């Protein structure tokens, strides 16, 4: 059975977003080069194209035609993604309690 799509980016999608938040618009080859250099994540060109198209379909990216290729830009802001992921963590793991989350992270660090 296929995994349902999350409203949050996957680990690889987040790495791609980080690249594009730092500099955009970028073509596929530049996204791929930066993933290899910055995230130590060498991927095949076709894999990067596939991921960028999935992210475009999910609404994470904008793309525009530039000659024979596409340029990709983030459609979502870093702060919005971070806030959404933190809210999800808060509700799923800490039952909506910010103090439980803070206390839980203190115990994890010290214990």
N, C-alpha and C. Protein backbone atom coordinates (compact mmCIF):
# COMPACT_ATOMS: atom_id res chain seq x y z
N UNK A 1 0.84 -1.18 0.00
CA UNK A 1 0.00 0.00 0.00
C UNK A 1 0.88 1.24 0.00
N UNK A 2 0.54 2.23 -0.79
CA UNK A 2 1.30 3.47 -0.89
C UNK A 2 1.14 4.30 0.37
N UNK A 3 2.21 4.97 0.73
CA UNK A 3 2.18 5.85 1.89
C UNK A 3 1.42 7.12 1.53
N UNK A 4 0.56 7.59 2.43
CA UNK A 4 -0.18 8.81 2.15
C UNK A 4 0.76 10.01 2.21
N UNK A 5 0.44 11.02 1.40
CA UNK A 5 1.28 12.21 1.36
C UNK A 5 1.07 13.02 2.62
N UNK A 6 2.18 13.47 3.19
CA UNK A 6 2.15 14.30 4.37
C UNK A 6 2.08 15.76 3.96
N UNK A 7 1.52 16.58 4.82
CA UNK A 7 1.52 18.01 4.55
C UNK A 7 2.89 18.60 4.82
N UNK A 8 3.75 17.82 5.50
CA UNK A 8 5.10 18.27 5.82
C UNK A 8 6.09 17.67 4.84
N UNK A 9 7.17 18.39 4.55
CA UNK A 9 8.18 17.84 3.63
C UNK A 9 8.89 16.63 4.23
N UNK A 10 9.23 15.69 3.37
CA UNK A 10 10.06 14.55 3.79
C UNK A 10 11.48 15.06 4.05
N UNK A 11 12.34 14.19 4.51
CA UNK A 11 13.73 14.59 4.79
C UNK A 11 14.41 15.13 3.52
N UNK A 12 14.28 14.42 2.41
CA UNK A 12 14.89 14.87 1.16
C UNK A 12 14.24 16.17 0.66
N UNK A 13 12.93 16.26 0.76
CA UNK A 13 12.25 17.49 0.34
C UNK A 13 12.73 18.68 1.17
N UNK A 14 12.95 18.46 2.45
CA UNK A 14 13.45 19.52 3.31
C UNK A 14 14.87 19.94 2.91
N UNK A 15 15.70 18.98 2.55
CA UNK A 15 17.05 19.30 2.08
C UNK A 15 16.99 20.14 0.81
N UNK A 16 16.08 19.79 -0.09
CA UNK A 16 15.92 20.55 -1.33
C UNK A 16 15.41 21.95 -1.02
N UNK A 17 14.44 22.06 -0.12
CA UNK A 17 13.94 23.37 0.27
C UNK A 17 15.05 24.23 0.86
N UNK A 18 15.89 23.65 1.69
CA UNK A 18 17.00 24.40 2.29
C UNK A 18 17.92 24.97 1.20
N UNK A 19 18.21 24.16 0.20
CA UNK A 19 19.03 24.63 -0.93
C UNK A 19 18.35 25.82 -1.60
N UNK A 20 17.05 25.69 -1.86
CA UNK A 20 16.33 26.74 -2.58
C UNK A 20 16.04 27.96 -1.71
N UNK A 21 15.91 27.77 -0.40
CA UNK A 21 15.76 28.93 0.48
C UNK A 21 17.04 29.76 0.49
N UNK A 22 18.18 29.10 0.35
CA UNK A 22 19.47 29.81 0.32
C UNK A 22 19.68 30.57 -0.97
N UNK A 23 19.22 30.00 -2.07
CA UNK A 23 19.41 30.65 -3.38
C UNK A 23 18.40 30.08 -4.36
N UNK A 24 17.70 30.95 -5.01
CA UNK A 24 16.75 30.53 -6.05
C UNK A 24 16.44 31.72 -6.93
N UNK A 25 15.96 31.50 -8.10
CA UNK A 25 15.60 30.22 -8.70
C UNK A 25 16.84 29.46 -9.17
N UNK A 26 16.72 28.13 -9.18
CA UNK A 26 17.81 27.27 -9.64
C UNK A 26 17.27 26.21 -10.59
N UNK A 27 18.10 25.84 -11.60
CA UNK A 27 17.74 24.70 -12.45
C UNK A 27 18.07 23.39 -11.75
N UNK A 28 17.58 22.30 -12.28
CA UNK A 28 17.78 20.98 -11.69
C UNK A 28 19.26 20.69 -11.45
N UNK A 29 20.10 20.96 -12.42
CA UNK A 29 21.53 20.63 -12.28
C UNK A 29 22.18 21.35 -11.11
N UNK A 30 21.75 22.59 -10.83
CA UNK A 30 22.31 23.35 -9.71
C UNK A 30 21.77 22.84 -8.38
N UNK A 31 20.50 22.47 -8.34
CA UNK A 31 19.93 21.89 -7.12
C UNK A 31 20.70 20.60 -6.81
N UNK A 32 20.92 19.79 -7.83
CA UNK A 32 21.64 18.52 -7.65
C UNK A 32 23.06 18.75 -7.16
N UNK A 33 23.75 19.73 -7.74
CA UNK A 33 25.13 20.03 -7.33
C UNK A 33 25.18 20.50 -5.88
N UNK A 34 24.24 21.33 -5.48
CA UNK A 34 24.23 21.84 -4.11
C UNK A 34 23.86 20.74 -3.10
N UNK A 35 22.96 19.85 -3.49
CA UNK A 35 22.63 18.72 -2.61
C UNK A 35 23.87 17.87 -2.37
N UNK A 36 24.64 17.65 -3.42
CA UNK A 36 25.86 16.84 -3.29
C UNK A 36 26.89 17.55 -2.42
N UNK A 37 27.03 18.87 -2.60
CA UNK A 37 28.05 19.63 -1.87
C UNK A 37 27.63 19.97 -0.44
N UNK A 38 26.43 20.50 -0.27
CA UNK A 38 26.00 21.02 1.03
C UNK A 38 25.42 19.95 1.94
N UNK A 39 24.67 19.03 1.37
CA UNK A 39 23.99 18.02 2.19
C UNK A 39 24.66 16.66 2.09
N UNK A 40 25.78 16.59 1.36
CA UNK A 40 26.47 15.32 1.13
C UNK A 40 25.48 14.26 0.67
N UNK A 41 24.68 14.66 -0.32
CA UNK A 41 23.60 13.80 -0.82
C UNK A 41 23.71 13.70 -2.34
N UNK A 42 24.64 12.88 -2.86
CA UNK A 42 24.74 12.73 -4.31
C UNK A 42 23.55 11.92 -4.83
N UNK A 43 22.85 12.49 -5.79
CA UNK A 43 21.67 11.84 -6.37
C UNK A 43 21.76 11.88 -7.88
N UNK A 44 21.12 10.92 -8.52
CA UNK A 44 21.05 10.92 -9.97
C UNK A 44 20.21 12.11 -10.44
N UNK A 45 20.55 12.62 -11.60
CA UNK A 45 19.82 13.76 -12.18
C UNK A 45 18.33 13.45 -12.27
N UNK A 46 17.99 12.25 -12.70
CA UNK A 46 16.58 11.88 -12.85
C UNK A 46 15.86 11.84 -11.50
N UNK A 47 16.57 11.47 -10.44
CA UNK A 47 15.96 11.45 -9.10
C UNK A 47 15.63 12.86 -8.62
N UNK A 48 16.53 13.80 -8.91
CA UNK A 48 16.30 15.19 -8.52
C UNK A 48 15.14 15.77 -9.31
N UNK A 49 15.07 15.48 -10.61
CA UNK A 49 13.93 15.95 -11.42
C UNK A 49 12.62 15.40 -10.85
N UNK A 50 12.61 14.12 -10.54
CA UNK A 50 11.41 13.50 -9.98
C UNK A 50 10.99 14.18 -8.69
N UNK A 51 11.95 14.39 -7.78
CA UNK A 51 11.63 15.02 -6.49
C UNK A 51 11.12 16.45 -6.68
N UNK A 52 11.76 17.21 -7.56
CA UNK A 52 11.33 18.59 -7.78
C UNK A 52 9.91 18.63 -8.35
N UNK A 53 9.60 17.71 -9.25
CA UNK A 53 8.25 17.66 -9.82
C UNK A 53 7.21 17.24 -8.78
N UNK A 54 7.57 16.30 -7.91
CA UNK A 54 6.67 15.90 -6.82
C UNK A 54 6.42 17.10 -5.90
N UNK A 55 7.50 17.82 -5.57
CA UNK A 55 7.37 18.97 -4.68
C UNK A 55 6.54 20.08 -5.32
N UNK A 56 6.65 20.22 -6.63
CA UNK A 56 5.81 21.19 -7.35
C UNK A 56 4.35 20.78 -7.26
N UNK A 57 4.09 19.50 -7.47
CA UNK A 57 2.72 18.99 -7.39
C UNK A 57 2.13 19.17 -5.99
N UNK A 58 2.96 18.99 -4.97
CA UNK A 58 2.51 19.13 -3.58
C UNK A 58 2.31 20.60 -3.18
N UNK A 59 2.81 21.51 -4.01
CA UNK A 59 2.66 22.93 -3.70
C UNK A 59 3.82 23.53 -2.93
N UNK A 60 4.94 22.80 -2.81
CA UNK A 60 6.11 23.32 -2.10
C UNK A 60 6.95 24.24 -2.98
N UNK A 61 6.89 24.04 -4.31
CA UNK A 61 7.74 24.78 -5.25
C UNK A 61 6.95 25.42 -6.38
N UNK A 62 7.54 26.47 -6.92
CA UNK A 62 7.08 27.06 -8.19
C UNK A 62 8.12 26.68 -9.24
N UNK A 63 7.69 26.55 -10.46
CA UNK A 63 8.66 26.32 -11.53
C UNK A 63 8.25 27.17 -12.72
N UNK A 64 9.28 27.63 -13.43
CA UNK A 64 9.00 28.38 -14.66
C UNK A 64 10.00 27.93 -15.72
N UNK A 65 9.49 27.91 -16.92
CA UNK A 65 10.28 27.47 -18.06
C UNK A 65 11.36 28.49 -18.36
N UNK A 66 12.57 28.02 -18.60
CA UNK A 66 13.70 28.88 -18.96
C UNK A 66 14.47 28.16 -20.05
N UNK A 67 14.16 28.46 -21.30
CA UNK A 67 14.76 27.73 -22.41
C UNK A 67 14.23 26.31 -22.44
N UNK A 68 15.14 25.34 -22.38
CA UNK A 68 14.73 23.93 -22.40
C UNK A 68 14.57 23.35 -21.00
N UNK A 69 14.88 24.13 -19.98
CA UNK A 69 14.80 23.62 -18.62
C UNK A 69 13.83 24.43 -17.78
N UNK A 70 13.67 24.02 -16.53
CA UNK A 70 12.82 24.72 -15.57
C UNK A 70 13.70 25.31 -14.48
N UNK A 71 13.27 26.44 -13.95
CA UNK A 71 13.88 27.03 -12.76
C UNK A 71 12.92 26.83 -11.61
N UNK A 72 13.44 26.43 -10.46
CA UNK A 72 12.61 26.13 -9.30
C UNK A 72 12.85 27.15 -8.19
N UNK A 73 11.75 27.54 -7.54
CA UNK A 73 11.74 28.50 -6.44
C UNK A 73 10.82 27.97 -5.35
N UNK A 74 11.18 28.17 -4.07
CA UNK A 74 10.27 27.72 -3.02
C UNK A 74 8.97 28.52 -3.03
N UNK A 75 7.88 27.83 -2.84
CA UNK A 75 6.57 28.47 -2.74
C UNK A 75 6.19 28.65 -1.28
N UNK A 76 6.83 27.88 -0.41
CA UNK A 76 6.56 27.93 1.02
C UNK A 76 7.73 28.62 1.73
N UNK A 77 7.41 29.37 2.76
CA UNK A 77 8.44 30.06 3.53
C UNK A 77 8.99 29.15 4.61
N UNK A 78 10.27 29.32 4.88
CA UNK A 78 10.95 28.51 5.89
C UNK A 78 10.22 28.58 7.24
N UNK A 79 9.81 29.78 7.64
CA UNK A 79 9.15 29.96 8.92
C UNK A 79 7.82 29.21 8.97
N UNK A 80 7.11 29.17 7.87
CA UNK A 80 5.82 28.46 7.83
C UNK A 80 6.02 26.95 7.95
N UNK A 81 7.02 26.43 7.25
CA UNK A 81 7.31 24.99 7.33
C UNK A 81 7.76 24.62 8.74
N UNK A 82 8.67 25.42 9.30
CA UNK A 82 9.16 25.14 10.65
C UNK A 82 8.02 25.19 11.66
N UNK A 83 7.18 26.21 11.57
CA UNK A 83 6.05 26.34 12.50
C UNK A 83 5.08 25.19 12.39
N UNK A 84 4.80 24.77 11.17
CA UNK A 84 3.88 23.66 10.95
C UNK A 84 4.44 22.36 11.51
N UNK A 85 5.73 22.12 11.28
CA UNK A 85 6.36 20.91 11.78
C UNK A 85 6.43 20.91 13.30
N UNK A 86 6.72 22.07 13.89
CA UNK A 86 6.76 22.18 15.35
C UNK A 86 5.36 21.97 15.94
N UNK A 87 4.35 22.54 15.29
CA UNK A 87 2.98 22.35 15.76
C UNK A 87 2.56 20.89 15.71
N UNK A 88 2.95 20.20 14.64
CA UNK A 88 2.64 18.78 14.51
C UNK A 88 3.33 17.97 15.60
N UNK A 89 4.61 18.26 15.84
CA UNK A 89 5.36 17.59 16.90
C UNK A 89 4.71 17.84 18.26
N UNK A 90 4.36 19.08 18.50
CA UNK A 90 3.73 19.45 19.77
C UNK A 90 2.44 18.67 20.00
N UNK A 91 1.60 18.61 18.98
CA UNK A 91 0.31 17.93 19.17
C UNK A 91 0.46 16.41 19.21
N UNK A 92 1.32 15.84 18.39
CA UNK A 92 1.42 14.38 18.32
C UNK A 92 2.23 13.77 19.45
N UNK A 93 3.29 14.44 19.86
CA UNK A 93 4.17 13.84 20.86
C UNK A 93 3.91 14.37 22.26
N UNK A 94 3.58 15.66 22.36
CA UNK A 94 3.46 16.29 23.67
C UNK A 94 2.02 16.71 24.00
N UNK A 95 1.07 16.13 23.28
CA UNK A 95 -0.36 16.35 23.53
C UNK A 95 -0.72 17.84 23.60
N UNK A 96 -0.05 18.66 22.78
CA UNK A 96 -0.37 20.07 22.69
C UNK A 96 0.20 20.94 23.80
N UNK A 97 1.05 20.40 24.63
CA UNK A 97 1.59 21.15 25.77
C UNK A 97 3.00 21.65 25.49
N UNK A 98 3.15 22.98 25.27
CA UNK A 98 4.49 23.52 25.05
C UNK A 98 5.43 23.28 26.23
N UNK A 99 4.92 23.36 27.46
CA UNK A 99 5.79 23.14 28.62
C UNK A 99 6.28 21.69 28.67
N UNK A 100 5.41 20.75 28.29
CA UNK A 100 5.85 19.35 28.25
C UNK A 100 6.93 19.15 27.20
N UNK A 101 6.82 19.87 26.09
CA UNK A 101 7.83 19.75 25.05
C UNK A 101 9.16 20.30 25.55
N UNK A 102 9.14 21.46 26.20
CA UNK A 102 10.38 22.06 26.71
C UNK A 102 10.97 21.18 27.81
N UNK A 103 10.14 20.74 28.73
CA UNK A 103 10.64 19.88 29.80
C UNK A 103 11.15 18.56 29.26
N UNK A 104 10.45 18.01 28.28
CA UNK A 104 10.88 16.75 27.67
C UNK A 104 12.23 16.88 26.99
N UNK A 105 12.46 18.00 26.31
CA UNK A 105 13.75 18.18 25.64
C UNK A 105 14.87 18.42 26.64
N UNK A 106 14.57 19.04 27.80
CA UNK A 106 15.59 19.23 28.83
C UNK A 106 16.01 17.89 29.43
N UNK A 107 15.02 17.02 29.69
CA UNK A 107 15.33 15.72 30.26
C UNK A 107 16.12 14.87 29.27
N UNK A 108 15.81 14.98 28.02
CA UNK A 108 16.51 14.21 26.99
C UNK A 108 17.96 14.64 26.91
N UNK A 109 18.20 15.94 26.95
CA UNK A 109 19.55 16.46 26.87
C UNK A 109 20.39 16.09 28.09
N UNK A 110 19.80 16.16 29.26
CA UNK A 110 20.53 15.93 30.51
C UNK A 110 20.53 14.48 30.97
N UNK A 111 19.64 13.69 30.42
CA UNK A 111 19.51 12.34 30.94
C UNK A 111 19.94 11.37 29.96
